[in-house]
Amino acid sequence: MSNKYLIFLGCAIPYRVSAYEISSRKVLAKLGVELVEMPEFNCCGLPLDPVSHETMLILAAKNLAMAEQTGLNILTLCPGCAGTLKKVNKILKEDKVLKEQINGHLKEIGLEFKGTIETKHLLQLLKEDVGVEKIKASVVKPLTMLKVAEHNGCHILRPKEFIGFDDPEDPQTLKMLIEATGATCLDYIDETECCGAPSVGVSDKIALQLARDKLNHVKMVEAQALITICPFCHIMYDTNELRIEKIFNEAYGIPILHYPQLLGLAMGLTPEELAFNELRVNASKILKQVTEEVNKQ
């Protein structure tokens, strides 16, 4: 197994959820994963599908062809990017006519899609390439004092024929990785339901209601935090939790953490190193609890 990957950041993460990138780079470095920058990437293509399916194919194929020139597999932090690059990779490898058509466009910029690399989301890489045992071995401050809930989101495992790992109806990977930190991962009602973010452009009211339902279910099991692995799910909850509290006259106080932030704490990294200051929902309560428990050990 190679420990070197091209990192594909996508459009949203560098500008809207940089804490996800910062914490991911920190924990991957500790796990011995080397990240190579991919400075000339463009959008994965997802926002253009199905409005302009061919344009989506060209954009994704361009990213894949550039990666192929390095001989390195792609690591993404965004499930939407991972899903799109995986899908286009599979479609073009199986459809020779379409592959020739898309390569006709890529030829104009000196590129050719060959289908020689893979794309993996952070979650898949941690499970398959790093492994749970190595993650457990990296933990120096087990988070046994924390009880949290997880939110996978819609794109991380769907559609299954393109993503190809875990069960979208009963996902276990994120739970397994959370428990590798020593924290307890609580089950709750409708775990696999959407965060609401895709509905924002159609109905802000519906989107907030979906997020509210999820927060209520997480609150019911008394989770101290909600763990995400998708930038858009994180934005939906972290940006809107305080707004939902105000609109519906409710109180949650549930910080929304990127999984690498949780893992980073267990690895002994500081909240400052993991960019906890960028979270909108205050996480100081659980950070204080972690610090106090660790000091007792």
Protein backbone atom coordinates (compact mmCIF):
# COMPACT_ATOMS: atom_id res chain seq x y z
CA MET A 1 0.00 0.00 0.00
CA SER A 2 1.37 3.39 -1.03
CA ASN A 3 1.23 6.04 1.67
CA LYS A 4 1.32 8.89 -0.84
CA TYR A 5 -1.81 10.48 -2.32
CA LEU A 6 -2.81 13.49 -4.39
CA ILE A 7 -5.13 15.62 -2.28
CA PHE A 8 -8.17 16.94 -4.13
CA LEU A 9 -9.72 19.71 -2.03
CA GLY A 10 -12.64 20.65 -4.25
CA CYS A 11 -14.37 24.02 -4.26
CA ALA A 12 -15.95 24.48 -0.82
CA ILE A 13 -13.41 23.23 1.70
CA PRO A 14 -10.58 25.79 1.27
CA TYR A 15 -13.00 28.70 1.50
CA ARG A 16 -15.79 27.58 3.83
CA VAL A 17 -14.56 24.73 6.05
CA SER A 18 -10.80 25.08 6.28
CA ALA A 19 -10.85 23.43 9.73
CA TYR A 20 -11.68 20.16 7.98
CA GLU A 21 -8.61 20.47 5.76
CA ILE A 22 -6.34 21.63 8.60
CA SER A 23 -7.34 18.80 10.95
CA SER A 24 -7.18 16.19 8.16
CA ARG A 25 -3.64 17.19 7.21
CA LYS A 26 -2.56 17.01 10.87
CA VAL A 27 -3.94 13.53 11.58
CA LEU A 28 -2.85 12.07 8.24
CA ALA A 29 0.71 13.29 8.86
CA LYS A 30 0.69 11.51 12.22
CA LEU A 31 -0.54 8.36 10.49
CA GLY A 32 2.33 8.49 8.01
CA VAL A 33 0.22 9.48 5.01
CA GLU A 34 2.02 11.83 2.62
CA LEU A 35 -0.15 14.32 0.72
CA VAL A 36 0.95 15.72 -2.63
CA GLU A 37 -0.70 18.97 -3.73
CA MET A 38 -2.82 19.05 -6.87
CA PRO A 39 -2.74 22.80 -7.62
CA GLU A 40 -4.28 22.76 -11.11
CA PHE A 41 -7.47 20.85 -10.33
CA ASN A 42 -10.85 22.24 -11.31
CA CYS A 43 -14.35 21.60 -9.94
CA CYS A 44 -15.19 17.88 -9.77
CA GLY A 45 -18.20 18.54 -12.00
CA LEU A 46 -20.96 17.52 -9.58
CA PRO A 47 -22.83 20.87 -9.55
CA LEU A 48 -23.29 20.66 -13.35
CA ASP A 49 -24.93 17.23 -13.38
CA PRO A 50 -27.56 16.66 -14.78
CA VAL A 51 -27.91 20.17 -16.25
CA SER A 52 -24.85 19.60 -18.44
CA HIS A 53 -23.88 15.94 -18.12
CA GLU A 54 -21.15 16.09 -20.76
CA THR A 55 -19.50 19.10 -19.11
CA MET A 56 -19.51 17.20 -15.81
CA LEU A 57 -17.82 14.25 -17.50
CA ILE A 58 -15.16 16.49 -19.06
CA LEU A 59 -14.38 18.30 -15.80
CA ALA A 60 -14.09 15.06 -13.82
CA ALA A 61 -12.07 13.35 -16.55
CA LYS A 62 -9.68 16.31 -16.68
CA ASN A 63 -8.98 15.94 -12.94
CA LEU A 64 -8.47 12.20 -13.31
CA ALA A 65 -6.17 12.61 -16.33
CA MET A 66 -4.01 15.15 -14.47
CA ALA A 67 -3.76 12.76 -11.53
CA GLU A 68 -2.82 9.89 -13.85
CA GLN A 69 0.21 11.87 -15.01
CA THR A 70 1.58 11.69 -11.45
CA GLY A 71 0.78 8.00 -11.00
CA LEU A 72 -0.84 8.75 -7.63
CA ASN A 73 -4.32 7.91 -6.40
CA ILE A 74 -6.61 10.77 -5.35
CA LEU A 75 -7.72 11.46 -1.79
CA THR A 76 -10.76 13.70 -1.33
CA LEU A 77 -12.32 15.13 1.83
CA CYS A 78 -15.66 15.83 0.14
CA PRO A 79 -18.03 12.88 -0.48
CA GLY A 80 -19.56 14.70 -3.47
CA CYS A 81 -16.16 15.05 -5.12
CA ALA A 82 -15.27 11.45 -4.30
CA GLY A 83 -18.54 10.15 -5.69
CA THR A 84 -18.28 12.14 -8.92
CA LEU A 85 -14.67 11.18 -9.62
CA LYS A 86 -15.39 7.53 -8.80
CA LYS A 87 -18.48 7.50 -11.03
CA VAL A 88 -16.82 9.10 -14.03
CA ASN A 89 -13.75 6.89 -13.64
CA LYS A 90 -15.94 3.76 -13.73
CA ILE A 91 -18.22 4.98 -16.55
CA LEU A 92 -15.37 5.94 -18.87
CA LYS A 93 -13.44 2.73 -18.23
CA GLU A 94 -16.52 0.67 -19.15
CA ASP A 95 -17.77 2.74 -22.12
CA LYS A 96 -15.08 2.94 -24.83
CA VAL A 97 -17.17 5.11 -27.15
CA LEU A 98 -17.84 7.69 -24.44
CA LYS A 99 -14.21 7.54 -23.35
CA GLU A 100 -13.08 8.40 -26.90
CA GLN A 101 -15.60 11.25 -27.04
CA ILE A 102 -14.39 12.78 -23.77
CA ASN A 103 -10.75 12.28 -24.72
CA GLY A 104 -11.48 14.21 -27.89
CA HIS A 105 -12.15 17.24 -25.69
CA LEU A 106 -9.20 16.57 -23.37
CA LYS A 107 -6.84 16.30 -26.35
CA GLU A 108 -7.31 20.02 -26.95
CA ILE A 109 -5.47 20.70 -23.68
CA GLY A 110 -2.92 17.93 -24.04
CA LEU A 111 -4.56 15.41 -21.72
CA GLU A 112 -5.88 11.87 -22.07
CA PHE A 113 -7.99 9.82 -19.66
CA LYS A 114 -6.66 6.27 -19.35
CA GLY A 115 -8.32 4.93 -16.20
CA THR A 116 -5.17 4.02 -14.28
CA ILE A 117 -5.85 5.50 -10.82
CA GLU A 118 -8.42 5.37 -8.02
CA THR A 119 -10.21 8.00 -5.96
CA LYS A 120 -10.92 7.50 -2.26
CA HIS A 121 -12.68 9.61 0.32
CA LEU A 122 -10.89 10.16 3.63
CA LEU A 123 -13.24 7.70 5.35
CA GLN A 124 -12.45 4.90 2.89
CA LEU A 125 -8.72 5.61 3.03
CA LEU A 126 -8.69 5.47 6.84
CA LYS A 127 -10.57 2.17 6.85
CA GLU A 128 -8.91 0.36 3.95
CA ASP A 129 -5.43 1.84 3.58
CA VAL A 130 -4.51 2.99 7.09
CA GLY A 131 -6.62 0.52 9.06
CA VAL A 132 -8.45 0.72 12.37
CA GLU A 133 -5.65 -0.98 14.30
CA LYS A 134 -3.08 1.63 13.25
CA ILE A 135 -5.52 4.40 14.17
CA LYS A 136 -6.05 2.85 17.60
CA ALA A 137 -2.29 2.60 18.03
CA SER A 138 -1.97 6.34 17.31
CA VAL A 139 -4.32 7.27 20.17
CA VAL A 140 -2.45 8.62 23.19
CA LYS A 141 -5.41 10.29 24.93
CA PRO A 142 -8.43 7.97 24.60
CA LEU A 143 -11.68 9.95 24.56
CA THR A 144 -13.50 7.51 26.81
CA MET A 145 -15.28 10.40 28.53
CA LEU A 146 -17.16 11.40 25.34
CA LYS A 147 -20.45 10.12 23.95
CA VAL A 148 -21.07 11.36 20.43
CA ALA A 149 -23.30 10.72 17.42
CA GLU A 150 -22.30 10.41 13.76
CA HIS A 151 -23.70 11.80 10.53
CA ASN A 152 -22.50 10.15 7.32
CA GLY A 153 -24.54 12.20 4.88
CA CYS A 154 -26.03 11.12 1.55
CA HIS A 155 -23.12 11.09 -0.91
CA ILE A 156 -20.50 9.23 1.11
CA LEU A 157 -21.95 5.78 0.29
CA ARG A 158 -24.46 6.44 -2.50
CA PRO A 159 -24.93 5.27 -5.20
CA LYS A 160 -23.47 1.99 -4.02
CA GLU A 161 -22.56 0.77 -7.53
CA PHE A 162 -20.04 3.60 -7.85
CA ILE A 163 -18.87 4.10 -4.26
CA GLY A 164 -18.32 0.45 -3.44
CA PHE A 165 -17.67 0.33 0.30
CA ASP A 166 -19.86 -0.05 3.39
CA ASP A 167 -23.68 -0.36 3.43
CA PRO A 168 -25.59 2.88 2.75
CA GLU A 169 -28.59 1.56 4.68
CA ASP A 170 -26.57 0.56 7.74
CA PRO A 171 -23.16 2.27 7.58
CA GLN A 172 -20.54 1.13 10.08
CA THR A 173 -17.24 2.69 8.99
CA LEU A 174 -17.60 6.09 10.66
CA LYS A 175 -18.87 4.49 13.87
CA MET A 176 -15.88 2.14 13.87
CA LEU A 177 -13.47 5.04 13.34
CA ILE A 178 -15.12 7.11 16.07
CA GLU A 179 -14.85 4.24 18.54
CA ALA A 180 -11.18 3.83 17.61
CA THR A 181 -10.64 7.17 19.41
CA GLY A 182 -12.08 5.72 22.61
CA ALA A 183 -15.32 7.73 22.34
CA THR A 184 -18.71 6.01 22.44
CA CYS A 185 -20.77 6.36 19.25
CA LEU A 186 -24.48 6.46 20.09
CA ASP A 187 -27.25 5.14 17.85
CA TYR A 188 -30.24 7.42 17.22
CA ILE A 189 -33.44 7.63 15.17
CA ASP A 190 -33.09 8.24 11.41
CA GLU A 191 -29.28 8.27 11.40
CA THR A 192 -29.10 7.99 7.62
CA GLU A 193 -31.49 10.89 6.91
CA CYS A 194 -30.26 13.91 4.90
CA CYS A 195 -28.95 16.99 6.72
CA GLY A 196 -31.19 19.22 4.57
CA ALA A 197 -28.46 21.11 2.71
CA PRO A 198 -29.56 20.05 -0.82
CA SER A 199 -33.01 21.58 -0.12
CA VAL A 200 -31.71 25.05 0.75
CA GLY A 201 -32.00 26.36 -2.79
CA VAL A 202 -35.60 25.16 -3.04
CA SER A 203 -36.97 25.80 0.46
CA ASP A 204 -35.01 27.21 3.37
CA LYS A 205 -37.88 26.19 5.65
CA ILE A 206 -37.73 22.50 4.65
CA ALA A 207 -33.93 22.45 4.94
CA LEU A 208 -34.00 23.87 8.47
CA GLN A 209 -36.75 21.45 9.49
CA LEU A 210 -34.68 18.48 8.31
CA ALA A 211 -31.66 19.73 10.26
CA ARG A 212 -33.86 20.39 13.28
CA ASP A 213 -35.25 16.84 13.20
CA LYS A 214 -31.73 15.44 13.15
CA LEU A 215 -30.56 17.67 16.02
CA ASN A 216 -33.60 16.67 18.08
CA HIS A 217 -32.84 12.98 17.58
CA VAL A 218 -29.19 13.51 18.50
CA LYS A 219 -30.25 15.47 21.59
CA MET A 220 -32.63 12.65 22.63
CA VAL A 221 -29.73 10.23 23.10
CA GLU A 222 -27.74 12.93 24.96
CA ALA A 223 -24.82 13.00 22.51
CA GLN A 224 -22.18 15.58 23.45
CA ALA A 225 -21.24 16.27 19.82
CA LEU A 226 -22.21 15.36 16.26
CA ILE A 227 -19.38 14.06 14.06
CA THR A 228 -19.39 14.75 10.31
CA ILE A 229 -17.22 13.79 7.34
CA CYS A 230 -18.82 16.01 4.70
CA PRO A 231 -18.16 19.76 4.32
CA PHE A 232 -21.73 20.55 3.29
CA CYS A 233 -23.33 18.54 6.11
CA HIS A 234 -20.98 20.29 8.52
CA ILE A 235 -21.92 23.71 7.15
CA MET A 236 -25.62 22.85 7.38
CA TYR A 237 -25.47 21.95 11.07
CA ASP A 238 -22.69 24.18 12.36
CA THR A 239 -23.97 27.29 10.56
CA ASN A 240 -27.64 26.76 11.31
CA GLU A 241 -27.81 25.23 14.79
CA LEU A 242 -27.97 28.61 16.54
CA ARG A 243 -30.46 29.85 13.95
CA ILE A 244 -32.69 26.79 14.48
CA GLU A 245 -32.54 27.32 18.24
CA LYS A 246 -33.78 30.89 17.77
CA ILE A 247 -36.49 30.13 15.19
CA PHE A 248 -37.97 27.14 17.01
CA ASN A 249 -37.23 28.33 20.56
CA GLU A 250 -35.13 25.27 21.37
CA ALA A 251 -31.72 24.64 22.91
CA TYR A 252 -29.18 22.09 21.70
CA GLY A 253 -25.63 23.12 22.54
CA ILE A 254 -24.33 20.29 20.35
CA PRO A 255 -20.96 21.14 18.76
CA ILE A 256 -20.45 19.81 15.23
CA LEU A 257 -16.97 18.31 14.85
CA HIS A 258 -15.14 17.13 11.76
CA TYR A 259 -14.02 13.53 12.35
CA PRO A 260 -10.32 14.47 12.04
CA GLN A 261 -10.82 16.97 14.87
CA LEU A 262 -12.10 14.18 17.12
CA LEU A 263 -9.28 11.86 16.09
CA GLY A 264 -6.73 14.64 16.48
CA LEU A 265 -7.76 15.20 20.11
CA ALA A 266 -7.25 11.49 20.78
CA MET A 267 -3.83 11.71 19.14
CA GLY A 268 -2.83 14.45 21.56
CA LEU A 269 -3.11 17.40 19.18
CA THR A 270 -4.35 20.67 20.66
CA PRO A 271 -7.66 22.38 19.82
CA GLU A 272 -5.59 25.20 18.31
CA GLU A 273 -3.77 22.80 15.98
CA LEU A 274 -7.12 21.33 14.94
CA ALA A 275 -8.77 24.73 14.27
CA PHE A 276 -11.52 24.33 16.86
CA ASN A 277 -11.76 28.13 16.91
CA GLU A 278 -13.45 27.99 13.49
CA LEU A 279 -16.48 26.12 14.81
CA ARG A 280 -19.58 28.28 15.18
CA VAL A 281 -21.17 26.12 17.88
CA ASN A 282 -19.01 26.45 20.97
CA ALA A 283 -17.12 23.25 21.80
CA SER A 284 -15.42 24.53 24.97
CA LYS A 285 -17.54 22.32 27.24
CA ILE A 286 -16.35 19.04 25.75
CA LEU A 287 -12.80 20.36 25.36
CA LYS A 288 -12.76 21.17 29.07
CA GLN A 289 -14.05 17.69 29.88
CA VAL A 290 -11.36 16.10 27.70
CA THR A 291 -8.63 18.17 29.35
CA GLU A 292 -9.84 17.38 32.88
CA GLU A 293 -10.12 13.64 32.22
CA VAL A 294 -6.71 13.47 30.54
CA ASN A 295 -5.12 15.30 33.48
CA LYS A 296 -6.54 12.66 35.83
CA GLN A 297 -4.90 9.83 33.88
